[in-house]
Amino acid sequence: MTRYEPVVEDDTLFLVAEDAVDHVEIGSVDDVVAAMGGDTHPIEYDQKQRKQPWLDTDEGVLEIDVRETATTLPHTPETVAELRDYDLGTERYGLPRRTVEFANELSISSNNRATTLPKRPGNDAEKREKIF
């Protein structure tokens, strides 16, 4: 499956396919940060999730670095196809619509990745265990 890697050129974020030909402009990194509400984004864990040994938080909140996540987290072709449906107009949010939708996806992806354990020895390599 083709993955789209984030690439930043002159503070503009693009998602670029492995072939380096197919790409989509997301918007400025500063606008992604603004759409996420700031430089960090909280992920909250419930009481059961907090008991996981890999989770190092007493308050049940893990802060992710928005700039780092936006510029390193790869995306699927399906996500990129959905983002292409939005333009870079600013009428609705005061920020480019595609940038806002990307930030929404980034928030969902970060929360999903943070609540999924890596595979454990002895488990099927394709399976991942959700924390509930």
N, C-alpha and C. Protein backbone atom coordinates (compact mmCIF):
# COMPACT_ATOMS: atom_id res chain seq x y z
N MET A 1 0.85 -1.18 0.00
CA MET A 1 0.00 0.00 0.00
C MET A 1 0.90 1.24 0.00
N THR A 2 0.55 2.21 -0.81
CA THR A 2 1.26 3.47 -0.87
C THR A 2 0.99 4.27 0.39
N ARG A 3 2.03 4.79 0.96
CA ARG A 3 1.90 5.68 2.12
C ARG A 3 2.26 7.08 1.66
N TYR A 4 1.64 8.06 2.27
CA TYR A 4 1.94 9.45 1.98
C TYR A 4 2.68 10.03 3.17
N GLU A 5 3.90 10.43 2.92
CA GLU A 5 4.76 10.97 3.95
C GLU A 5 4.66 12.49 3.96
N PRO A 6 4.68 13.10 5.14
CA PRO A 6 4.67 14.56 5.20
C PRO A 6 6.02 15.13 4.78
N VAL A 7 5.96 16.19 4.00
CA VAL A 7 7.15 16.92 3.56
C VAL A 7 6.85 18.40 3.74
N VAL A 8 7.81 19.12 4.33
CA VAL A 8 7.64 20.56 4.53
C VAL A 8 8.61 21.31 3.63
N GLU A 9 8.04 22.23 2.85
CA GLU A 9 8.84 23.12 2.00
C GLU A 9 8.39 24.54 2.26
N ASP A 10 9.31 25.38 2.73
CA ASP A 10 9.00 26.78 3.03
C ASP A 10 7.78 26.90 3.94
N ASP A 11 7.71 26.11 4.99
CA ASP A 11 6.65 26.08 6.00
C ASP A 11 5.31 25.58 5.45
N THR A 12 5.29 25.08 4.22
CA THR A 12 4.06 24.50 3.67
C THR A 12 4.16 22.98 3.76
N LEU A 13 3.12 22.37 4.33
CA LEU A 13 3.08 20.93 4.51
C LEU A 13 2.41 20.27 3.31
N PHE A 14 3.05 19.25 2.79
CA PHE A 14 2.52 18.43 1.70
C PHE A 14 2.51 16.98 2.17
N LEU A 15 1.58 16.19 1.67
CA LEU A 15 1.64 14.74 1.83
C LEU A 15 2.06 14.20 0.47
N VAL A 16 3.17 13.46 0.45
CA VAL A 16 3.80 13.03 -0.80
C VAL A 16 3.83 11.50 -0.84
N ALA A 17 3.38 10.94 -1.95
CA ALA A 17 3.38 9.49 -2.14
C ALA A 17 4.82 8.99 -2.28
N GLU A 18 4.97 7.69 -2.09
CA GLU A 18 6.29 7.07 -2.20
C GLU A 18 6.94 7.31 -3.55
N ASP A 19 6.12 7.45 -4.61
CA ASP A 19 6.68 7.69 -5.95
C ASP A 19 7.14 9.14 -6.13
N ALA A 20 6.86 9.98 -5.16
CA ALA A 20 7.25 11.40 -5.15
C ALA A 20 6.57 12.22 -6.23
N VAL A 21 5.67 11.62 -6.99
CA VAL A 21 4.94 12.34 -8.03
C VAL A 21 3.60 12.82 -7.49
N ASP A 22 2.86 11.92 -6.89
CA ASP A 22 1.55 12.26 -6.34
C ASP A 22 1.72 12.96 -5.00
N HIS A 23 1.10 14.12 -4.86
CA HIS A 23 1.17 14.86 -3.60
C HIS A 23 -0.05 15.77 -3.46
N VAL A 24 -0.30 16.18 -2.23
CA VAL A 24 -1.39 17.12 -1.97
C VAL A 24 -0.89 18.16 -0.97
N GLU A 25 -1.20 19.42 -1.25
CA GLU A 25 -0.83 20.49 -0.33
C GLU A 25 -1.84 20.52 0.81
N ILE A 26 -1.33 20.59 2.03
CA ILE A 26 -2.17 20.65 3.22
C ILE A 26 -2.32 22.08 3.71
N GLY A 27 -1.26 22.84 3.67
CA GLY A 27 -1.28 24.22 4.15
C GLY A 27 -0.04 24.48 4.99
N SER A 28 0.03 25.62 5.61
CA SER A 28 1.21 25.94 6.41
C SER A 28 1.20 25.15 7.72
N VAL A 29 2.38 24.84 8.20
CA VAL A 29 2.51 24.13 9.47
C VAL A 29 1.91 24.98 10.59
N ASP A 30 2.09 26.29 10.53
CA ASP A 30 1.51 27.18 11.55
C ASP A 30 -0.02 27.08 11.56
N ASP A 31 -0.63 26.96 10.38
CA ASP A 31 -2.08 26.81 10.33
C ASP A 31 -2.53 25.47 10.88
N VAL A 32 -1.75 24.41 10.67
CA VAL A 32 -2.07 23.11 11.27
C VAL A 32 -2.04 23.24 12.79
N VAL A 33 -1.01 23.88 13.31
CA VAL A 33 -0.90 24.09 14.77
C VAL A 33 -2.08 24.90 15.27
N ALA A 34 -2.46 25.94 14.56
CA ALA A 34 -3.61 26.76 14.97
C ALA A 34 -4.90 25.94 14.96
N ALA A 35 -5.08 25.11 13.93
CA ALA A 35 -6.28 24.29 13.83
C ALA A 35 -6.35 23.24 14.94
N MET A 36 -5.19 22.81 15.43
CA MET A 36 -5.14 21.83 16.52
C MET A 36 -5.27 22.50 17.89
N GLY A 37 -5.24 23.84 17.91
CA GLY A 37 -5.41 24.55 19.16
C GLY A 37 -4.13 24.89 19.89
N GLY A 38 -2.99 24.70 19.25
CA GLY A 38 -1.72 25.05 19.87
C GLY A 38 -0.63 24.03 19.57
N ASP A 39 0.53 24.27 20.15
CA ASP A 39 1.70 23.44 19.88
C ASP A 39 1.60 22.03 20.43
N THR A 40 0.73 21.82 21.41
CA THR A 40 0.54 20.48 21.94
C THR A 40 -0.94 20.11 21.88
N HIS A 41 -1.19 18.80 21.86
CA HIS A 41 -2.56 18.29 21.80
C HIS A 41 -2.70 17.21 22.87
N PRO A 42 -3.68 17.33 23.75
CA PRO A 42 -3.82 16.33 24.81
C PRO A 42 -4.56 15.08 24.35
N ILE A 43 -4.07 13.94 24.81
CA ILE A 43 -4.77 12.68 24.63
C ILE A 43 -5.08 12.18 26.04
N GLU A 44 -6.36 11.99 26.31
CA GLU A 44 -6.77 11.58 27.65
C GLU A 44 -7.02 10.08 27.71
N TYR A 45 -6.61 9.49 28.82
CA TYR A 45 -6.77 8.05 29.05
C TYR A 45 -7.67 7.82 30.25
N ASP A 46 -8.49 6.76 30.17
CA ASP A 46 -9.35 6.44 31.30
C ASP A 46 -8.55 5.66 32.36
N GLN A 47 -9.19 5.31 33.46
CA GLN A 47 -8.50 4.65 34.57
C GLN A 47 -7.86 3.33 34.16
N LYS A 48 -8.55 2.53 33.36
CA LYS A 48 -8.01 1.24 32.94
C LYS A 48 -6.81 1.43 32.01
N GLN A 49 -6.90 2.37 31.08
CA GLN A 49 -5.81 2.62 30.16
C GLN A 49 -4.57 3.12 30.88
N ARG A 50 -4.76 3.87 31.97
CA ARG A 50 -3.62 4.43 32.72
C ARG A 50 -2.77 3.35 33.37
N LYS A 51 -3.29 2.16 33.51
CA LYS A 51 -2.56 1.07 34.17
C LYS A 51 -1.57 0.38 33.24
N GLN A 52 -1.57 0.75 31.98
CA GLN A 52 -0.64 0.14 31.03
C GLN A 52 0.79 0.55 31.39
N PRO A 53 1.72 -0.39 31.45
CA PRO A 53 3.08 -0.08 31.90
C PRO A 53 3.84 0.90 30.99
N TRP A 54 3.48 0.97 29.71
CA TRP A 54 4.18 1.86 28.80
C TRP A 54 3.70 3.31 28.89
N LEU A 55 2.56 3.52 29.54
CA LEU A 55 1.98 4.86 29.62
C LEU A 55 2.51 5.57 30.86
N ASP A 56 3.30 6.59 30.65
CA ASP A 56 3.93 7.31 31.75
C ASP A 56 3.21 8.63 32.00
N THR A 57 2.06 8.53 32.67
CA THR A 57 1.31 9.73 33.03
C THR A 57 0.48 9.45 34.27
N ASP A 58 0.61 10.31 35.26
CA ASP A 58 -0.17 10.16 36.49
C ASP A 58 -1.56 10.77 36.34
N GLU A 59 -1.68 11.80 35.54
CA GLU A 59 -2.95 12.51 35.39
C GLU A 59 -3.84 11.92 34.30
N GLY A 60 -3.33 10.97 33.55
CA GLY A 60 -4.13 10.36 32.49
C GLY A 60 -4.17 11.19 31.22
N VAL A 61 -3.25 12.13 31.06
CA VAL A 61 -3.20 12.97 29.87
C VAL A 61 -1.78 12.93 29.31
N LEU A 62 -1.69 12.63 28.04
CA LEU A 62 -0.41 12.64 27.35
C LEU A 62 -0.46 13.77 26.34
N GLU A 63 0.55 14.62 26.35
CA GLU A 63 0.60 15.75 25.41
C GLU A 63 1.46 15.35 24.21
N ILE A 64 0.91 15.48 23.00
CA ILE A 64 1.71 15.22 21.81
C ILE A 64 2.15 16.55 21.21
N ASP A 65 3.30 16.55 20.60
CA ASP A 65 3.84 17.72 19.93
C ASP A 65 3.20 17.79 18.54
N VAL A 66 2.40 18.81 18.31
CA VAL A 66 1.64 18.91 17.06
C VAL A 66 2.56 19.04 15.85
N ARG A 67 3.57 19.90 15.93
CA ARG A 67 4.48 20.08 14.79
C ARG A 67 5.19 18.78 14.45
N GLU A 68 5.69 18.09 15.47
CA GLU A 68 6.40 16.84 15.22
C GLU A 68 5.47 15.80 14.61
N THR A 69 4.27 15.66 15.17
CA THR A 69 3.33 14.67 14.68
C THR A 69 2.89 15.00 13.25
N ALA A 70 2.57 16.25 12.99
CA ALA A 70 2.11 16.65 11.65
C ALA A 70 3.18 16.44 10.59
N THR A 71 4.43 16.56 10.98
CA THR A 71 5.51 16.48 10.00
C THR A 71 6.19 15.11 9.95
N THR A 72 5.69 14.14 10.71
CA THR A 72 6.30 12.80 10.69
C THR A 72 5.30 11.66 10.49
N LEU A 73 4.04 11.87 10.79
CA LEU A 73 3.05 10.79 10.73
C LEU A 73 2.61 10.53 9.29
N PRO A 74 2.83 9.33 8.77
CA PRO A 74 2.39 9.02 7.40
C PRO A 74 0.88 8.82 7.35
N HIS A 75 0.33 8.91 6.13
CA HIS A 75 -1.12 8.80 5.94
C HIS A 75 -1.44 7.83 4.81
N THR A 76 -2.64 7.30 4.83
CA THR A 76 -3.09 6.33 3.84
C THR A 76 -3.61 7.03 2.59
N PRO A 77 -3.69 6.30 1.49
CA PRO A 77 -4.29 6.89 0.28
C PRO A 77 -5.74 7.31 0.51
N GLU A 78 -6.46 6.58 1.35
CA GLU A 78 -7.85 6.93 1.64
C GLU A 78 -7.95 8.29 2.33
N THR A 79 -7.06 8.53 3.27
CA THR A 79 -7.05 9.82 3.97
C THR A 79 -6.73 10.94 2.99
N VAL A 80 -5.74 10.71 2.15
CA VAL A 80 -5.35 11.74 1.17
C VAL A 80 -6.49 12.01 0.19
N ALA A 81 -7.17 10.96 -0.24
CA ALA A 81 -8.31 11.14 -1.16
C ALA A 81 -9.40 12.00 -0.51
N GLU A 82 -9.66 11.75 0.77
CA GLU A 82 -10.66 12.57 1.48
C GLU A 82 -10.20 14.01 1.59
N LEU A 83 -8.92 14.23 1.89
CA LEU A 83 -8.41 15.60 2.02
C LEU A 83 -8.46 16.35 0.70
N ARG A 84 -8.26 15.65 -0.40
CA ARG A 84 -8.33 16.29 -1.73
C ARG A 84 -9.71 16.88 -2.02
N ASP A 85 -10.73 16.33 -1.37
CA ASP A 85 -12.09 16.83 -1.58
C ASP A 85 -12.30 18.24 -1.05
N TYR A 86 -11.39 18.70 -0.20
CA TYR A 86 -11.51 20.03 0.39
C TYR A 86 -10.55 20.99 -0.29
N ASP A 87 -10.99 22.24 -0.44
CA ASP A 87 -10.11 23.23 -1.03
C ASP A 87 -9.33 23.95 0.07
N LEU A 88 -8.53 24.92 -0.35
CA LEU A 88 -7.74 25.68 0.61
C LEU A 88 -8.39 27.03 0.92
N GLY A 89 -9.68 27.15 0.63
CA GLY A 89 -10.41 28.37 0.94
C GLY A 89 -10.54 28.57 2.45
N THR A 90 -10.61 29.83 2.85
CA THR A 90 -10.65 30.15 4.28
C THR A 90 -11.99 30.69 4.75
N GLU A 91 -13.00 30.65 3.90
CA GLU A 91 -14.29 31.27 4.23
C GLU A 91 -14.95 30.65 5.46
N ARG A 92 -14.88 29.35 5.60
CA ARG A 92 -15.63 28.66 6.66
C ARG A 92 -14.99 28.79 8.03
N TYR A 93 -13.67 28.63 8.13
CA TYR A 93 -13.01 28.58 9.44
C TYR A 93 -12.01 29.71 9.68
N GLY A 94 -11.72 30.49 8.65
CA GLY A 94 -10.67 31.50 8.80
C GLY A 94 -9.29 30.89 8.58
N LEU A 95 -9.25 29.59 8.44
CA LEU A 95 -8.05 28.83 8.08
C LEU A 95 -8.43 28.00 6.86
N PRO A 96 -7.46 27.56 6.08
CA PRO A 96 -7.81 26.73 4.92
C PRO A 96 -8.60 25.48 5.34
N ARG A 97 -9.68 25.21 4.63
CA ARG A 97 -10.55 24.08 4.97
C ARG A 97 -9.79 22.77 4.97
N ARG A 98 -8.94 22.54 3.96
CA ARG A 98 -8.17 21.29 3.90
C ARG A 98 -7.25 21.16 5.12
N THR A 99 -6.68 22.28 5.56
CA THR A 99 -5.81 22.27 6.73
C THR A 99 -6.58 21.88 7.98
N VAL A 100 -7.78 22.41 8.12
CA VAL A 100 -8.63 22.09 9.28
C VAL A 100 -9.02 20.62 9.25
N GLU A 101 -9.39 20.11 8.09
CA GLU A 101 -9.76 18.70 7.98
C GLU A 101 -8.56 17.80 8.25
N PHE A 102 -7.37 18.22 7.82
CA PHE A 102 -6.15 17.48 8.13
C PHE A 102 -5.92 17.45 9.64
N ALA A 103 -6.11 18.59 10.29
CA ALA A 103 -5.94 18.65 11.75
C ALA A 103 -6.93 17.72 12.45
N ASN A 104 -8.16 17.67 11.96
CA ASN A 104 -9.15 16.75 12.54
C ASN A 104 -8.68 15.30 12.37
N GLU A 105 -8.19 14.97 11.20
CA GLU A 105 -7.67 13.61 10.94
C GLU A 105 -6.46 13.32 11.82
N LEU A 106 -5.60 14.30 11.96
CA LEU A 106 -4.41 14.15 12.79
C LEU A 106 -4.79 13.88 14.24
N SER A 107 -5.79 14.58 14.72
CA SER A 107 -6.27 14.38 16.09
C SER A 107 -6.81 12.97 16.27
N ILE A 108 -7.61 12.51 15.32
CA ILE A 108 -8.18 11.16 15.38
C ILE A 108 -7.07 10.12 15.29
N SER A 109 -6.14 10.30 14.35
CA SER A 109 -5.04 9.34 14.19
C SER A 109 -4.17 9.27 15.43
N SER A 110 -3.87 10.43 16.01
CA SER A 110 -3.04 10.45 17.22
C SER A 110 -3.73 9.74 18.36
N ASN A 111 -5.01 9.99 18.53
CA ASN A 111 -5.74 9.31 19.59
C ASN A 111 -5.81 7.81 19.36
N ASN A 112 -6.03 7.39 18.12
CA ASN A 112 -6.08 5.96 17.81
C ASN A 112 -4.74 5.29 18.01
N ARG A 113 -3.67 5.92 17.58
CA ARG A 113 -2.34 5.33 17.74
C ARG A 113 -1.95 5.27 19.21
N ALA A 114 -2.35 6.25 19.97
CA ALA A 114 -1.97 6.28 21.37
C ALA A 114 -2.73 5.24 22.19
N THR A 115 -3.87 4.79 21.71
CA THR A 115 -4.64 3.81 22.48
C THR A 115 -4.52 2.40 21.91
N THR A 116 -3.53 2.19 21.05
CA THR A 116 -3.30 0.87 20.48
C THR A 116 -1.95 0.37 20.94
N LEU A 117 -1.94 -0.81 21.52
CA LEU A 117 -0.69 -1.40 21.96
C LEU A 117 0.06 -2.01 20.79
N PRO A 118 1.38 -1.96 20.80
CA PRO A 118 2.13 -2.69 19.80
C PRO A 118 1.91 -4.19 19.99
N LYS A 119 2.16 -4.97 18.94
CA LYS A 119 1.92 -6.41 19.06
C LYS A 119 2.80 -6.99 20.15
N ARG A 120 2.28 -7.98 20.81
CA ARG A 120 3.01 -8.66 21.87
C ARG A 120 3.59 -9.95 21.31
N PRO A 121 4.72 -10.40 21.87
CA PRO A 121 5.28 -11.68 21.41
C PRO A 121 4.23 -12.78 21.54
N GLY A 122 4.16 -13.62 20.50
CA GLY A 122 3.21 -14.72 20.53
C GLY A 122 1.89 -14.39 19.85
N ASN A 123 1.60 -13.10 19.62
CA ASN A 123 0.38 -12.72 18.92
C ASN A 123 0.63 -12.73 17.42
N ASP A 124 -0.44 -12.90 16.64
CA ASP A 124 -0.36 -12.82 15.20
C ASP A 124 0.22 -11.45 14.83
N ALA A 125 1.18 -11.40 13.93
CA ALA A 125 1.87 -10.16 13.59
C ALA A 125 0.93 -9.10 13.02
N GLU A 126 -0.18 -9.50 12.44
CA GLU A 126 -1.10 -8.53 11.87
C GLU A 126 -2.09 -7.96 12.88
N LYS A 127 -2.19 -8.58 14.04
CA LYS A 127 -3.17 -8.13 15.04
C LYS A 127 -2.57 -7.08 15.94
N ARG A 128 -3.42 -6.15 16.34
CA ARG A 128 -3.06 -5.15 17.35
C ARG A 128 -4.17 -5.15 18.38
N GLU A 129 -3.81 -5.02 19.60
CA GLU A 129 -4.78 -5.11 20.66
C GLU A 129 -5.22 -3.71 21.11
N LYS A 130 -6.49 -3.46 21.08
CA LYS A 130 -7.01 -2.18 21.55
C LYS A 130 -7.10 -2.19 23.07
N ILE A 131 -6.84 -1.06 23.67
CA ILE A 131 -6.95 -0.93 25.11
C ILE A 131 -8.35 -0.45 25.44
N PHE A 132 -9.09 -1.22 26.23
CA PHE A 132 -10.42 -0.81 26.64
C PHE A 132 -10.62 -1.04 28.11
